[in-house]
Amino acid sequence: MLGRKVTALPLAAVQNLAFSRSAGGRLRGYGAFTFEADGQAGAVIDYIPYPEQLYLEIYHLLYPGEAGENADAGEDAGPRRRWPRL
């Protein structure tokens, strides 16, 4: 029998998001995410296409306004924030 397992992890419970990419993943354009909740690895998702773009989108959901908020602001907007490191 074929089946599907779905696990929900509330966004507020995510404490850390790790992104990894093997040499084969770099060549083929995929990566893996590890979500940590309550100090333990909550979920590992493998073979994600466009992992850098998706990582940045998820990062902005976890930490809204954290990076890039001053990108289009004028000079008196204060120091610019850096994008999360990949």
PDB file of N, CA and C in Angstrom:
ATOM      1  N   MET A   1       0.840  -1.185   0.000  1.00  0.00           N
ATOM      2  CA  MET A   1       0.000   0.000   0.000  1.00  0.00           C
ATOM      3  C   MET A   1       0.881   1.242   0.000  1.00  0.00           C
ATOM      4  N   LEU A   2       0.573   2.175  -0.835  1.00  0.00           N
ATOM      5  CA  LEU A   2       1.291   3.442  -0.865  1.00  0.00           C
ATOM      6  C   LEU A   2       0.644   4.403   0.116  1.00  0.00           C
ATOM      7  N   GLY A   3       1.448   5.168   0.768  1.00  0.00           N
ATOM      8  CA  GLY A   3       0.905   6.105   1.737  1.00  0.00           C
ATOM      9  C   GLY A   3       1.728   7.374   1.795  1.00  0.00           C
ATOM     10  N   ARG A   4       1.248   8.282   2.567  1.00  0.00           N
ATOM     11  CA  ARG A   4       1.919   9.561   2.733  1.00  0.00           C
ATOM     12  C   ARG A   4       1.881   9.933   4.198  1.00  0.00           C
ATOM     13  N   LYS A   5       3.004  10.376   4.716  1.00  0.00           N
ATOM     14  CA  LYS A   5       3.085  10.806   6.104  1.00  0.00           C
ATOM     15  C   LYS A   5       3.292  12.319   6.116  1.00  0.00           C
ATOM     16  N   VAL A   6       2.444  13.013   6.831  1.00  0.00           N
ATOM     17  CA  VAL A   6       2.519  14.466   6.920  1.00  0.00           C
ATOM     18  C   VAL A   6       2.732  14.844   8.375  1.00  0.00           C
ATOM     19  N   THR A   7       3.749  15.659   8.611  1.00  0.00           N
ATOM     20  CA  THR A   7       4.031  16.139   9.957  1.00  0.00           C
ATOM     21  C   THR A   7       3.973  17.656   9.935  1.00  0.00           C
ATOM     22  N   ALA A   8       3.240  18.230  10.869  1.00  0.00           N
ATOM     23  CA  ALA A   8       3.131  19.690  10.958  1.00  0.00           C
ATOM     24  C   ALA A   8       3.996  20.189  12.104  1.00  0.00           C
ATOM     25  N   LEU A   9       4.767  21.208  11.830  1.00  0.00           N
ATOM     26  CA  LEU A   9       5.607  21.841  12.835  1.00  0.00           C
ATOM     27  C   LEU A   9       5.243  23.316  12.848  1.00  0.00           C
ATOM     28  N   PRO A  10       4.648  23.806  13.938  1.00  0.00           N
ATOM     29  CA  PRO A  10       4.250  25.223  13.971  1.00  0.00           C
ATOM     30  C   PRO A  10       5.455  26.135  13.768  1.00  0.00           C
ATOM     31  N   LEU A  11       5.291  27.172  12.993  1.00  0.00           N
ATOM     32  CA  LEU A  11       6.378  28.085  12.690  1.00  0.00           C
ATOM     33  C   LEU A  11       6.956  28.708  13.955  1.00  0.00           C
ATOM     34  N   ALA A  12       6.103  28.978  14.943  1.00  0.00           N
ATOM     35  CA  ALA A  12       6.565  29.574  16.192  1.00  0.00           C
ATOM     36  C   ALA A  12       7.453  28.613  16.983  1.00  0.00           C
ATOM     37  N   ALA A  13       7.339  27.309  16.750  1.00  0.00           N
ATOM     38  CA  ALA A  13       8.128  26.326  17.486  1.00  0.00           C
ATOM     39  C   ALA A  13       9.520  26.127  16.880  1.00  0.00           C
ATOM     40  N   VAL A  14       9.742  26.579  15.660  1.00  0.00           N
ATOM     41  CA  VAL A  14      11.033  26.395  14.999  1.00  0.00           C
ATOM     42  C   VAL A  14      12.056  27.311  15.647  1.00  0.00           C
ATOM     43  N   GLN A  15      13.140  26.716  16.146  1.00  0.00           N
ATOM     44  CA  GLN A  15      14.199  27.491  16.785  1.00  0.00           C
ATOM     45  C   GLN A  15      15.406  27.674  15.879  1.00  0.00           C
ATOM     46  N   ASN A  16      15.605  26.755  14.956  1.00  0.00           N
ATOM     47  CA  ASN A  16      16.762  26.833  14.080  1.00  0.00           C
ATOM     48  C   ASN A  16      16.427  26.165  12.753  1.00  0.00           C
ATOM     49  N   LEU A  17      16.972  26.736  11.700  1.00  0.00           N
ATOM     50  CA  LEU A  17      16.815  26.169  10.366  1.00  0.00           C
ATOM     51  C   LEU A  17      18.208  25.978   9.792  1.00  0.00           C
ATOM     52  N   ALA A  18      18.573  24.743   9.506  1.00  0.00           N
ATOM     53  CA  ALA A  18      19.876  24.452   8.924  1.00  0.00           C
ATOM     54  C   ALA A  18      19.686  24.066   7.462  1.00  0.00           C
ATOM     55  N   PHE A  19      20.641  24.485   6.648  1.00  0.00           N
ATOM     56  CA  PHE A  19      20.605  24.240   5.213  1.00  0.00           C
ATOM     57  C   PHE A  19      21.904  23.549   4.843  1.00  0.00           C
ATOM     58  N   SER A  20      21.819  22.438   4.137  1.00  0.00           N
ATOM     59  CA  SER A  20      23.035  21.742   3.709  1.00  0.00           C
ATOM     60  C   SER A  20      22.905  21.320   2.257  1.00  0.00           C
ATOM     61  N   ARG A  21      24.078  21.172   1.635  1.00  0.00           N
ATOM     62  CA  ARG A  21      24.128  20.798   0.231  1.00  0.00           C
ATOM     63  C   ARG A  21      25.354  19.945  -0.018  1.00  0.00           C
ATOM     64  N   SER A  22      25.173  18.768  -0.557  1.00  0.00           N
ATOM     65  CA  SER A  22      26.302  17.909  -0.894  1.00  0.00           C
ATOM     66  C   SER A  22      26.874  18.336  -2.246  1.00  0.00           C
ATOM     67  N   ALA A  23      28.002  17.729  -2.610  1.00  0.00           N
ATOM     68  CA  ALA A  23      28.589  18.036  -3.920  1.00  0.00           C
ATOM     69  C   ALA A  23      27.619  17.633  -5.035  1.00  0.00           C
ATOM     70  N   GLY A  24      26.988  16.479  -4.881  1.00  0.00           N
ATOM     71  CA  GLY A  24      25.998  16.036  -5.877  1.00  0.00           C
ATOM     72  C   GLY A  24      24.799  16.961  -5.917  1.00  0.00           C
ATOM     73  N   GLY A  25      24.404  17.462  -4.761  1.00  0.00           N
ATOM     74  CA  GLY A  25      23.291  18.403  -4.700  1.00  0.00           C
ATOM     75  C   GLY A  25      23.614  19.713  -5.398  1.00  0.00           C
ATOM     76  N   ARG A  26      24.851  20.144  -5.276  1.00  0.00           N
ATOM     77  CA  ARG A  26      25.256  21.376  -5.983  1.00  0.00           C
ATOM     78  C   ARG A  26      25.200  21.193  -7.487  1.00  0.00           C
ATOM     79  N   LEU A  27      25.650  20.037  -7.947  1.00  0.00           N
ATOM     80  CA  LEU A  27      25.627  19.777  -9.389  1.00  0.00           C
ATOM     81  C   LEU A  27      24.210  19.641  -9.931  1.00  0.00           C
ATOM     82  N   ARG A  28      23.334  19.036  -9.155  1.00  0.00           N
ATOM     83  CA  ARG A  28      21.972  18.776  -9.620  1.00  0.00           C
ATOM     84  C   ARG A  28      20.961  19.819  -9.180  1.00  0.00           C
ATOM     85  N   GLY A  29      21.374  20.742  -8.314  1.00  0.00           N
ATOM     86  CA  GLY A  29      20.493  21.841  -7.924  1.00  0.00           C
ATOM     87  C   GLY A  29      19.516  21.537  -6.800  1.00  0.00           C
ATOM     88  N   TYR A  30      19.914  20.702  -5.843  1.00  0.00           N
ATOM     89  CA  TYR A  30      19.031  20.427  -4.720  1.00  0.00           C
ATOM     90  C   TYR A  30      19.804  20.517  -3.412  1.00  0.00           C
ATOM     91  N   GLY A  31      19.078  20.572  -2.303  1.00  0.00           N
ATOM     92  CA  GLY A  31      19.679  20.642  -0.980  1.00  0.00           C
ATOM     93  C   GLY A  31      18.752  20.028   0.047  1.00  0.00           C
ATOM     94  N   ALA A  32      19.095  20.197   1.329  1.00  0.00           N
ATOM     95  CA  ALA A  32      18.303  19.631   2.420  1.00  0.00           C
ATOM     96  C   ALA A  32      18.159  20.663   3.535  1.00  0.00           C
ATOM     97  N   PHE A  33      17.011  20.663   4.189  1.00  0.00           N
ATOM     98  CA  PHE A  33      16.750  21.521   5.343  1.00  0.00           C
ATOM     99  C   PHE A  33      16.572  20.649   6.575  1.00  0.00           C
ATOM    100  N   THR A  34      17.062  21.129   7.705  1.00  0.00           N
ATOM    101  CA  THR A  34      16.806  20.509   8.992  1.00  0.00           C
ATOM    102  C   THR A  34      16.192  21.565   9.889  1.00  0.00           C
ATOM    103  N   PHE A  35      14.992  21.315  10.361  1.00  0.00           N
ATOM    104  CA  PHE A  35      14.301  22.217  11.261  1.00  0.00           C
ATOM    105  C   PHE A  35      14.499  21.709  12.680  1.00  0.00           C
ATOM    106  N   GLU A  36      14.903  22.576  13.602  1.00  0.00           N
ATOM    107  CA  GLU A  36      15.054  22.193  14.999  1.00  0.00           C
ATOM    108  C   GLU A  36      13.974  22.858  15.821  1.00  0.00           C
ATOM    109  N   ALA A  37      13.361  22.072  16.710  1.00  0.00           N
ATOM    110  CA  ALA A  37      12.346  22.581  17.627  1.00  0.00           C
ATOM    111  C   ALA A  37      12.619  21.996  19.004  1.00  0.00           C
ATOM    112  N   ASP A  38      12.537  22.821  20.012  1.00  0.00           N
ATOM    113  CA  ASP A  38      12.767  22.393  21.395  1.00  0.00           C
ATOM    114  C   ASP A  38      14.146  21.777  21.576  1.00  0.00           C
ATOM    115  N   GLY A  39      15.154  22.279  20.861  1.00  0.00           N
ATOM    116  CA  GLY A  39      16.513  21.792  21.000  1.00  0.00           C
ATOM    117  C   GLY A  39      16.806  20.476  20.319  1.00  0.00           C
ATOM    118  N   GLN A  40      15.844  19.900  19.634  1.00  0.00           N
ATOM    119  CA  GLN A  40      16.037  18.633  18.946  1.00  0.00           C
ATOM    120  C   GLN A  40      15.701  18.799  17.468  1.00  0.00           C
ATOM    121  N   ALA A  41      16.328  17.973  16.646  1.00  0.00           N
ATOM    122  CA  ALA A  41      16.013  18.010  15.221  1.00  0.00           C
ATOM    123  C   ALA A  41      14.557  17.598  15.033  1.00  0.00           C
ATOM    124  N   GLY A  42      13.760  18.490  14.478  1.00  0.00           N
ATOM    125  CA  GLY A  42      12.341  18.208  14.321  1.00  0.00           C
ATOM    126  C   GLY A  42      12.008  17.536  13.012  1.00  0.00           C
ATOM    127  N   ALA A  43      12.611  17.982  11.943  1.00  0.00           N
ATOM    128  CA  ALA A  43      12.294  17.421  10.635  1.00  0.00           C
ATOM    129  C   ALA A  43      13.468  17.647   9.691  1.00  0.00           C
ATOM    130  N   VAL A  44      13.712  16.671   8.846  1.00  0.00           N
ATOM    131  CA  VAL A  44      14.717  16.794   7.798  1.00  0.00           C
ATOM    132  C   VAL A  44      13.995  16.619   6.479  1.00  0.00           C
ATOM    133  N   ILE A  45      14.178  17.565   5.595  1.00  0.00           N
ATOM    134  CA  ILE A  45      13.549  17.505   4.282  1.00  0.00           C
ATOM    135  C   ILE A  45      14.668  17.480   3.246  1.00  0.00           C
ATOM    136  N   ASP A  46      14.745  16.395   2.494  1.00  0.00           N
ATOM    137  CA  ASP A  46      15.800  16.202   1.491  1.00  0.00           C
ATOM    138  C   ASP A  46      15.296  16.534   0.094  1.00  0.00           C
ATOM    139  N   TYR A  47      16.228  16.715  -0.811  1.00  0.00           N
ATOM    140  CA  TYR A  47      15.966  16.888  -2.242  1.00  0.00           C
ATOM    141  C   TYR A  47      15.039  18.070  -2.513  1.00  0.00           C
ATOM    142  N   ILE A  48      15.392  19.213  -1.975  1.00  0.00           N
ATOM    143  CA  ILE A  48      14.614  20.431  -2.182  1.00  0.00           C
ATOM    144  C   ILE A  48      15.209  21.189  -3.369  1.00  0.00           C
ATOM    145  N   PRO A  49      14.407  21.480  -4.389  1.00  0.00           N
ATOM    146  CA  PRO A  49      14.919  22.269  -5.515  1.00  0.00           C
ATOM    147  C   PRO A  49      15.022  23.745  -5.125  1.00  0.00           C
ATOM    148  N   TYR A  50      15.927  24.460  -5.739  1.00  0.00           N
ATOM    149  CA  TYR A  50      16.157  25.887  -5.479  1.00  0.00           C
ATOM    150  C   TYR A  50      16.313  26.157  -3.979  1.00  0.00           C
ATOM    151  N   PRO A  51      17.237  25.450  -3.302  1.00  0.00           N
ATOM    152  CA  PRO A  51      17.303  25.544  -1.849  1.00  0.00           C
ATOM    153  C   PRO A  51      17.707  26.922  -1.318  1.00  0.00           C
ATOM    154  N   GLU A  52      18.567  27.653  -2.033  1.00  0.00           N
ATOM    155  CA  GLU A  52      18.961  28.969  -1.532  1.00  0.00           C
ATOM    156  C   GLU A  52      17.769  29.922  -1.484  1.00  0.00           C
ATOM    157  N   GLN A  53      16.991  29.940  -2.548  1.00  0.00           N
ATOM    158  CA  GLN A  53      15.816  30.816  -2.614  1.00  0.00           C
ATOM    159  C   GLN A  53      14.795  30.433  -1.541  1.00  0.00           C
ATOM    160  N   LEU A  54      14.528  29.146  -1.397  1.00  0.00           N
ATOM    161  CA  LEU A  54      13.565  28.700  -0.391  1.00  0.00           C
ATOM    162  C   LEU A  54      14.069  28.968   1.022  1.00  0.00           C
ATOM    163  N   TYR A  55      15.374  28.807   1.245  1.00  0.00           N
ATOM    164  CA  TYR A  55      15.946  29.099   2.560  1.00  0.00           C
ATOM    165  C   TYR A  55      15.705  30.560   2.935  1.00  0.00           C
ATOM    166  N   LEU A  56      15.963  31.466   2.015  1.00  0.00           N
ATOM    167  CA  LEU A  56      15.752  32.883   2.293  1.00  0.00           C
ATOM    168  C   LEU A  56      14.282  33.200   2.542  1.00  0.00           C
ATOM    169  N   GLU A  57      13.387  32.572   1.807  1.00  0.00           N
ATOM    170  CA  GLU A  57      11.958  32.808   2.023  1.00  0.00           C
ATOM    171  C   GLU A  57      11.510  32.297   3.385  1.00  0.00           C
ATOM    172  N   ILE A  58      11.963  31.112   3.770  1.00  0.00           N
ATOM    173  CA  ILE A  58      11.603  30.571   5.085  1.00  0.00           C
ATOM    174  C   ILE A  58      12.242  31.398   6.190  1.00  0.00           C
ATOM    175  N   TYR A  59      13.481  31.840   5.971  1.00  0.00           N
ATOM    176  CA  TYR A  59      14.172  32.685   6.953  1.00  0.00           C
ATOM    177  C   TYR A  59      13.364  33.956   7.225  1.00  0.00           C
ATOM    178  N   HIS A  60      12.817  34.559   6.180  1.00  0.00           N
ATOM    179  CA  HIS A  60      12.019  35.779   6.352  1.00  0.00           C
ATOM    180  C   HIS A  60      10.697  35.496   7.067  1.00  0.00           C
ATOM    181  N   LEU A  61      10.180  34.288   6.945  1.00  0.00           N
ATOM    182  CA  LEU A  61       8.980  33.933   7.707  1.00  0.00           C
ATOM    183  C   LEU A  61       9.317  33.749   9.188  1.00  0.00           C
ATOM    184  N   LEU A  62      10.482  33.155   9.463  1.00  0.00           N
ATOM    185  CA  LEU A  62      10.885  32.928  10.852  1.00  0.00           C
ATOM    186  C   LEU A  62      11.290  34.218  11.541  1.00  0.00           C
ATOM    187  N   TYR A  63      11.984  35.099  10.819  1.00  0.00           N
ATOM    188  CA  TYR A  63      12.501  36.343  11.386  1.00  0.00           C
ATOM    189  C   TYR A  63      12.064  37.524  10.527  1.00  0.00           C
ATOM    190  N   PRO A  64      10.797  37.908  10.599  1.00  0.00           N
ATOM    191  CA  PRO A  64      10.315  39.016   9.747  1.00  0.00           C
ATOM    192  C   PRO A  64      11.009  40.326  10.091  1.00  0.00           C
ATOM    193  N   GLY A  65      11.389  41.070   9.051  1.00  0.00           N
ATOM    194  CA  GLY A  65      12.032  42.365   9.239  1.00  0.00           C
ATOM    195  C   GLY A  65      13.470  42.267   9.680  1.00  0.00           C
ATOM    196  N   GLU A  66      14.024  41.072   9.756  1.00  0.00           N
ATOM    197  CA  GLU A  66      15.382  40.883  10.254  1.00  0.00           C
ATOM    198  C   GLU A  66      16.432  41.291   9.225  1.00  0.00           C
ATOM    199  N   ALA A  67      16.262  40.891   7.970  1.00  0.00           N
ATOM    200  CA  ALA A  67      17.270  41.170   6.948  1.00  0.00           C
ATOM    201  C   ALA A  67      16.609  41.843   5.757  1.00  0.00           C
ATOM    202  N   GLY A  68      17.297  42.817   5.198  1.00  0.00           N
ATOM    203  CA  GLY A  68      16.824  43.460   3.998  1.00  0.00           C
ATOM    204  C   GLY A  68      15.744  44.507   4.219  1.00  0.00           C
ATOM    205  N   GLU A  69      15.453  44.854   5.448  1.00  0.00           N
ATOM    206  CA  GLU A  69      14.373  45.815   5.686  1.00  0.00           C
ATOM    207  C   GLU A  69      14.747  47.221   5.248  1.00  0.00           C
ATOM    208  N   ASN A  70      16.038  47.528   5.204  1.00  0.00           N
ATOM    209  CA  ASN A  70      16.482  48.862   4.817  1.00  0.00           C
ATOM    210  C   ASN A  70      17.000  48.897   3.386  1.00  0.00           C
ATOM    211  N   ALA A  71      16.716  47.894   2.606  1.00  0.00           N
ATOM    212  CA  ALA A  71      17.293  47.789   1.264  1.00  0.00           C
ATOM    213  C   ALA A  71      16.908  48.964   0.374  1.00  0.00           C
ATOM    214  N   ASP A  72      15.669  49.437   0.452  1.00  0.00           N
ATOM    215  CA  ASP A  72      15.222  50.524  -0.405  1.00  0.00           C
ATOM    216  C   ASP A  72      15.112  51.842   0.351  1.00  0.00           C
ATOM    217  N   ALA A  73      15.593  51.897   1.577  1.00  0.00           N
ATOM    218  CA  ALA A  73      15.452  53.109   2.388  1.00  0.00           C
ATOM    219  C   ALA A  73      16.548  54.106   2.041  1.00  0.00           C
ATOM    220  N   GLY A  74      16.340  55.325   2.478  1.00  0.00           N
ATOM    221  CA  GLY A  74      17.307  56.385   2.241  1.00  0.00           C
ATOM    222  C   GLY A  74      18.518  56.253   3.138  1.00  0.00           C
ATOM    223  N   GLU A  75      19.431  57.255   3.071  1.00  0.00           N
ATOM    224  CA  GLU A  75      20.666  57.194   3.838  1.00  0.00           C
ATOM    225  C   GLU A  75      20.432  57.252   5.336  1.00  0.00           C
ATOM    226  N   ASP A  76      19.398  57.949   5.806  1.00  0.00           N
ATOM    227  CA  ASP A  76      19.179  58.082   7.237  1.00  0.00           C
ATOM    228  C   ASP A  76      18.406  56.911   7.819  1.00  0.00           C
ATOM    229  N   ALA A  77      18.381  55.793   7.156  1.00  0.00           N
ATOM    230  CA  ALA A  77      17.657  54.631   7.660  1.00  0.00           C
ATOM    231  C   ALA A  77      18.469  53.835   8.673  1.00  0.00           C
ATOM    232  N   GLY A  78      19.736  54.219   8.895  1.00  0.00           N
ATOM    233  CA  GLY A  78      20.558  53.491   9.847  1.00  0.00           C
ATOM    234  C   GLY A  78      21.411  52.457   9.130  1.00  0.00           C
ATOM    235  N   PRO A  79      22.116  51.654   9.906  1.00  0.00           N
ATOM    236  CA  PRO A  79      23.000  50.660   9.286  1.00  0.00           C
ATOM    237  C   PRO A  79      22.214  49.602   8.522  1.00  0.00           C
ATOM    238  N   ARG A  80      22.798  49.144   7.446  1.00  0.00           N
ATOM    239  CA  ARG A  80      22.149  48.102   6.647  1.00  0.00           C
ATOM    240  C   ARG A  80      22.386  46.753   7.289  1.00  0.00           C
ATOM    241  N   ARG A  81      21.390  45.914   7.201  1.00  0.00           N
ATOM    242  CA  ARG A  81      21.519  44.564   7.735  1.00  0.00           C
ATOM    243  C   ARG A  81      21.957  43.631   6.631  1.00  0.00           C
ATOM    244  N   ARG A  82      22.629  42.559   7.013  1.00  0.00           N
ATOM    245  CA  ARG A  82      23.144  41.597   6.045  1.00  0.00           C
ATOM    246  C   ARG A  82      22.145  40.457   5.870  1.00  0.00           C
ATOM    247  N   TRP A  83      22.166  39.853   4.696  1.00  0.00           N
ATOM    248  CA  TRP A  83      21.354  38.661   4.428  1.00  0.00           C
ATOM    249  C   TRP A  83      21.940  37.513   5.225  1.00  0.00           C
ATOM    250  N   PRO A  84      21.117  36.529   5.568  1.00  0.00           N
ATOM    251  CA  PRO A  84      21.650  35.370   6.288  1.00  0.00           C
ATOM    252  C   PRO A  84      22.678  34.654   5.441  1.00  0.00           C
ATOM    253  N   ARG A  85      23.676  34.125   6.087  1.00  0.00           N
ATOM    254  CA  ARG A  85      24.763  33.470   5.372  1.00  0.00           C
ATOM    255  C   ARG A  85      24.360  32.071   4.921  1.00  0.00           C
ATOM    256  N   LEU A  86      24.609  31.759   3.664  1.00  0.00           N
ATOM    257  CA  LEU A  86      24.274  30.433   3.123  1.00  0.00           C
ATOM    258  C   LEU A  86      25.452  29.513   3.227  1.00  0.00           C
TER     259      LEU A  86
END
